[in-house]
Amino acid sequence: MTAIGIPPRTPQDWDVPAAEAADQFMALKRRRLADGVAAEARHLIDPFDRVFAALASASTARCSCDADYPGWTPGRTS
């Protein structure tokens, strides 16, 4: 018995055999990998990706430069 009165569980007490649990776990891993590959593929063929990426550099008036932060050194905490 444990400190709270519940008997310890053994692998024989499990509801799902270990081999079946391992198979389910691997299926989940394969599904997540497939989802990630599909998401990347969708991103690569996105017709608006180039337009979106160009937004950052199209307007230099909205970008900062060194003159905007006199005396600031990158990497310095304050």
N, C-alpha and C. Protein backbone atom coordinates (compact mmCIF):
# COMPACT_ATOMS: atom_id res chain seq x y z
N MET A 1 0.83 -1.18 0.00
CA MET A 1 0.00 0.00 0.00
C MET A 1 0.89 1.25 0.00
N THR A 2 0.39 2.27 -0.64
CA THR A 2 1.09 3.54 -0.63
C THR A 2 0.67 4.33 0.59
N ALA A 3 1.26 5.52 0.76
CA ALA A 3 0.97 6.34 1.94
C ALA A 3 -0.50 6.76 1.99
N ILE A 4 -1.17 6.83 0.83
CA ILE A 4 -2.57 7.26 0.85
C ILE A 4 -3.54 6.09 0.73
N GLY A 5 -3.03 4.88 0.82
CA GLY A 5 -3.89 3.72 0.88
C GLY A 5 -4.25 3.10 -0.46
N ILE A 6 -3.58 3.52 -1.55
CA ILE A 6 -3.86 2.93 -2.86
C ILE A 6 -2.77 1.91 -3.17
N PRO A 7 -3.17 0.71 -3.51
CA PRO A 7 -2.14 -0.30 -3.81
C PRO A 7 -1.36 0.09 -5.06
N PRO A 8 -0.05 -0.19 -5.11
CA PRO A 8 0.74 0.15 -6.29
C PRO A 8 0.27 -0.64 -7.51
N ARG A 9 0.35 -0.02 -8.67
CA ARG A 9 -0.07 -0.68 -9.91
C ARG A 9 1.14 -1.37 -10.54
N THR A 10 0.89 -2.45 -11.19
CA THR A 10 1.93 -3.18 -11.91
C THR A 10 1.54 -3.19 -13.39
N PRO A 11 2.49 -3.46 -14.29
CA PRO A 11 2.14 -3.52 -15.71
C PRO A 11 1.01 -4.51 -16.01
N GLN A 12 0.85 -5.55 -15.20
CA GLN A 12 -0.21 -6.50 -15.42
C GLN A 12 -1.59 -5.89 -15.12
N ASP A 13 -1.63 -4.82 -14.33
CA ASP A 13 -2.88 -4.17 -13.98
C ASP A 13 -3.34 -3.15 -15.03
N TRP A 14 -2.47 -2.81 -15.95
CA TRP A 14 -2.81 -1.77 -16.92
C TRP A 14 -3.99 -2.19 -17.78
N ASP A 15 -4.79 -1.20 -18.17
CA ASP A 15 -5.96 -1.47 -19.00
C ASP A 15 -5.59 -1.76 -20.45
N VAL A 16 -4.48 -1.18 -20.91
CA VAL A 16 -4.04 -1.35 -22.29
C VAL A 16 -2.69 -2.04 -22.27
N PRO A 17 -2.53 -3.10 -23.05
CA PRO A 17 -1.23 -3.76 -23.11
C PRO A 17 -0.14 -2.78 -23.55
N ALA A 18 1.07 -2.96 -23.03
CA ALA A 18 2.17 -2.04 -23.32
C ALA A 18 2.43 -1.94 -24.82
N ALA A 19 2.37 -3.03 -25.54
CA ALA A 19 2.62 -3.00 -26.98
C ALA A 19 1.58 -2.15 -27.69
N GLU A 20 0.33 -2.25 -27.28
CA GLU A 20 -0.73 -1.45 -27.89
C GLU A 20 -0.55 0.03 -27.56
N ALA A 21 -0.16 0.33 -26.31
CA ALA A 21 0.09 1.71 -25.92
C ALA A 21 1.24 2.29 -26.73
N ALA A 22 2.29 1.50 -26.94
CA ALA A 22 3.43 1.95 -27.74
C ALA A 22 3.00 2.21 -29.19
N ASP A 23 2.18 1.33 -29.72
CA ASP A 23 1.67 1.52 -31.09
C ASP A 23 0.86 2.82 -31.19
N GLN A 24 0.01 3.08 -30.20
CA GLN A 24 -0.80 4.30 -30.21
C GLN A 24 0.09 5.54 -30.11
N PHE A 25 1.13 5.45 -29.29
CA PHE A 25 2.06 6.57 -29.13
C PHE A 25 2.79 6.85 -30.44
N MET A 26 3.27 5.80 -31.11
CA MET A 26 3.98 5.99 -32.38
C MET A 26 3.04 6.53 -33.45
N ALA A 27 1.79 6.09 -33.46
CA ALA A 27 0.82 6.61 -34.42
C ALA A 27 0.60 8.10 -34.19
N LEU A 28 0.54 8.52 -32.93
CA LEU A 28 0.38 9.93 -32.61
C LEU A 28 1.60 10.72 -33.09
N LYS A 29 2.79 10.19 -32.86
CA LYS A 29 4.01 10.87 -33.32
C LYS A 29 4.02 11.00 -34.83
N ARG A 30 3.65 9.93 -35.55
CA ARG A 30 3.61 9.98 -37.01
C ARG A 30 2.59 11.00 -37.49
N ARG A 31 1.43 11.07 -36.82
CA ARG A 31 0.39 12.02 -37.20
C ARG A 31 0.86 13.47 -37.01
N ARG A 32 1.53 13.73 -35.88
CA ARG A 32 2.05 15.08 -35.63
C ARG A 32 3.11 15.46 -36.65
N LEU A 33 3.97 14.52 -37.00
CA LEU A 33 4.99 14.78 -38.02
C LEU A 33 4.33 15.07 -39.35
N ALA A 34 3.34 14.29 -39.73
CA ALA A 34 2.63 14.49 -40.99
C ALA A 34 1.92 15.85 -41.00
N ASP A 35 1.34 16.24 -39.87
CA ASP A 35 0.69 17.55 -39.78
C ASP A 35 1.71 18.67 -39.98
N GLY A 36 2.88 18.52 -39.40
CA GLY A 36 3.93 19.53 -39.55
C GLY A 36 4.43 19.63 -40.98
N VAL A 37 4.62 18.48 -41.63
CA VAL A 37 5.06 18.47 -43.02
C VAL A 37 4.00 19.13 -43.90
N ALA A 38 2.74 18.83 -43.66
CA ALA A 38 1.66 19.44 -44.45
C ALA A 38 1.60 20.95 -44.23
N ALA A 39 1.80 21.41 -43.01
CA ALA A 39 1.78 22.84 -42.73
C ALA A 39 2.92 23.54 -43.45
N GLU A 40 4.09 22.94 -43.45
CA GLU A 40 5.23 23.53 -44.15
C GLU A 40 4.98 23.57 -45.65
N ALA A 41 4.39 22.53 -46.19
CA ALA A 41 4.08 22.49 -47.62
C ALA A 41 3.09 23.59 -47.98
N ARG A 42 2.08 23.79 -47.14
CA ARG A 42 1.12 24.86 -47.39
C ARG A 42 1.80 26.22 -47.36
N HIS A 43 2.74 26.38 -46.45
CA HIS A 43 3.46 27.64 -46.35
C HIS A 43 4.31 27.89 -47.60
N LEU A 44 4.95 26.87 -48.09
CA LEU A 44 5.84 27.03 -49.25
C LEU A 44 5.09 27.39 -50.52
N ILE A 45 3.84 26.97 -50.63
CA ILE A 45 3.08 27.28 -51.84
C ILE A 45 2.10 28.42 -51.64
N ASP A 46 2.20 29.12 -50.52
CA ASP A 46 1.31 30.23 -50.23
C ASP A 46 1.56 31.36 -51.23
N PRO A 47 0.56 31.73 -52.04
CA PRO A 47 0.77 32.76 -53.06
C PRO A 47 1.02 34.15 -52.46
N PHE A 48 0.64 34.38 -51.22
CA PHE A 48 0.80 35.69 -50.61
C PHE A 48 2.04 35.80 -49.74
N ASP A 49 2.84 34.75 -49.67
CA ASP A 49 4.01 34.76 -48.81
C ASP A 49 5.00 35.84 -49.22
N ARG A 50 5.27 35.98 -50.50
CA ARG A 50 6.21 37.01 -50.97
C ARG A 50 5.68 38.41 -50.69
N VAL A 51 4.39 38.60 -50.86
CA VAL A 51 3.77 39.90 -50.59
C VAL A 51 3.91 40.23 -49.11
N PHE A 52 3.64 39.26 -48.26
CA PHE A 52 3.74 39.48 -46.82
C PHE A 52 5.19 39.78 -46.42
N ALA A 53 6.14 39.04 -46.96
CA ALA A 53 7.55 39.26 -46.64
C ALA A 53 8.00 40.64 -47.11
N ALA A 54 7.45 41.12 -48.21
CA ALA A 54 7.84 42.43 -48.74
C ALA A 54 7.32 43.58 -47.87
N LEU A 55 6.30 43.34 -47.08
CA LEU A 55 5.75 44.40 -46.24
C LEU A 55 6.79 44.97 -45.28
N ALA A 56 7.66 44.14 -44.80
CA ALA A 56 8.66 44.58 -43.82
C ALA A 56 9.66 45.55 -44.43
N SER A 57 9.99 45.41 -45.69
CA SER A 57 11.01 46.26 -46.29
C SER A 57 10.45 47.30 -47.25
N ALA A 58 9.16 47.28 -47.52
CA ALA A 58 8.59 48.21 -48.49
C ALA A 58 8.56 49.64 -47.96
N SER A 59 8.38 49.84 -46.69
CA SER A 59 8.26 51.18 -46.13
C SER A 59 9.42 51.45 -45.18
N THR A 60 10.44 52.15 -45.68
CA THR A 60 11.59 52.45 -44.82
C THR A 60 11.25 53.50 -43.77
N ALA A 61 10.18 54.27 -43.98
CA ALA A 61 9.80 55.28 -43.00
C ALA A 61 9.37 54.65 -41.68
N ARG A 62 8.96 53.42 -41.72
CA ARG A 62 8.49 52.76 -40.50
C ARG A 62 9.57 51.89 -39.86
N CYS A 63 10.75 51.84 -40.45
CA CYS A 63 11.85 51.05 -39.91
C CYS A 63 12.75 51.96 -39.07
N SER A 64 13.38 51.40 -38.06
CA SER A 64 14.28 52.19 -37.24
C SER A 64 15.71 52.07 -37.77
N CYS A 65 16.54 53.03 -37.40
CA CYS A 65 17.95 52.98 -37.77
C CYS A 65 18.77 53.42 -36.56
N ASP A 66 20.09 53.40 -36.69
CA ASP A 66 20.97 53.74 -35.57
C ASP A 66 20.74 55.17 -35.07
N ALA A 67 20.39 56.09 -35.97
CA ALA A 67 20.16 57.48 -35.58
C ALA A 67 18.95 57.62 -34.65
N ASP A 68 18.05 56.68 -34.70
CA ASP A 68 16.87 56.73 -33.82
C ASP A 68 17.21 56.44 -32.36
N TYR A 69 18.35 55.80 -32.11
CA TYR A 69 18.74 55.40 -30.76
C TYR A 69 20.18 55.83 -30.47
N PRO A 70 20.43 57.11 -30.34
CA PRO A 70 21.82 57.56 -30.11
C PRO A 70 22.35 57.05 -28.77
N GLY A 71 23.58 56.57 -28.79
CA GLY A 71 24.23 56.09 -27.59
C GLY A 71 23.86 54.68 -27.17
N TRP A 72 22.98 54.03 -27.90
CA TRP A 72 22.58 52.67 -27.54
C TRP A 72 23.53 51.67 -28.17
N THR A 73 23.96 50.69 -27.39
CA THR A 73 24.84 49.64 -27.88
C THR A 73 24.08 48.32 -27.87
N PRO A 74 23.95 47.67 -29.02
CA PRO A 74 23.23 46.38 -29.05
C PRO A 74 23.87 45.38 -28.09
N GLY A 75 23.06 44.67 -27.36
CA GLY A 75 23.54 43.65 -26.43
C GLY A 75 23.79 44.18 -25.03
N ARG A 76 23.78 45.48 -24.88
CA ARG A 76 23.98 46.05 -23.55
C ARG A 76 22.64 46.05 -22.81
N THR A 77 22.64 45.76 -21.54
CA THR A 77 21.38 45.64 -20.79
C THR A 77 20.74 46.98 -20.51
N SER A 78 21.48 48.03 -20.31
CA SER A 78 20.88 49.35 -20.06
C SER A 78 21.85 50.45 -20.39
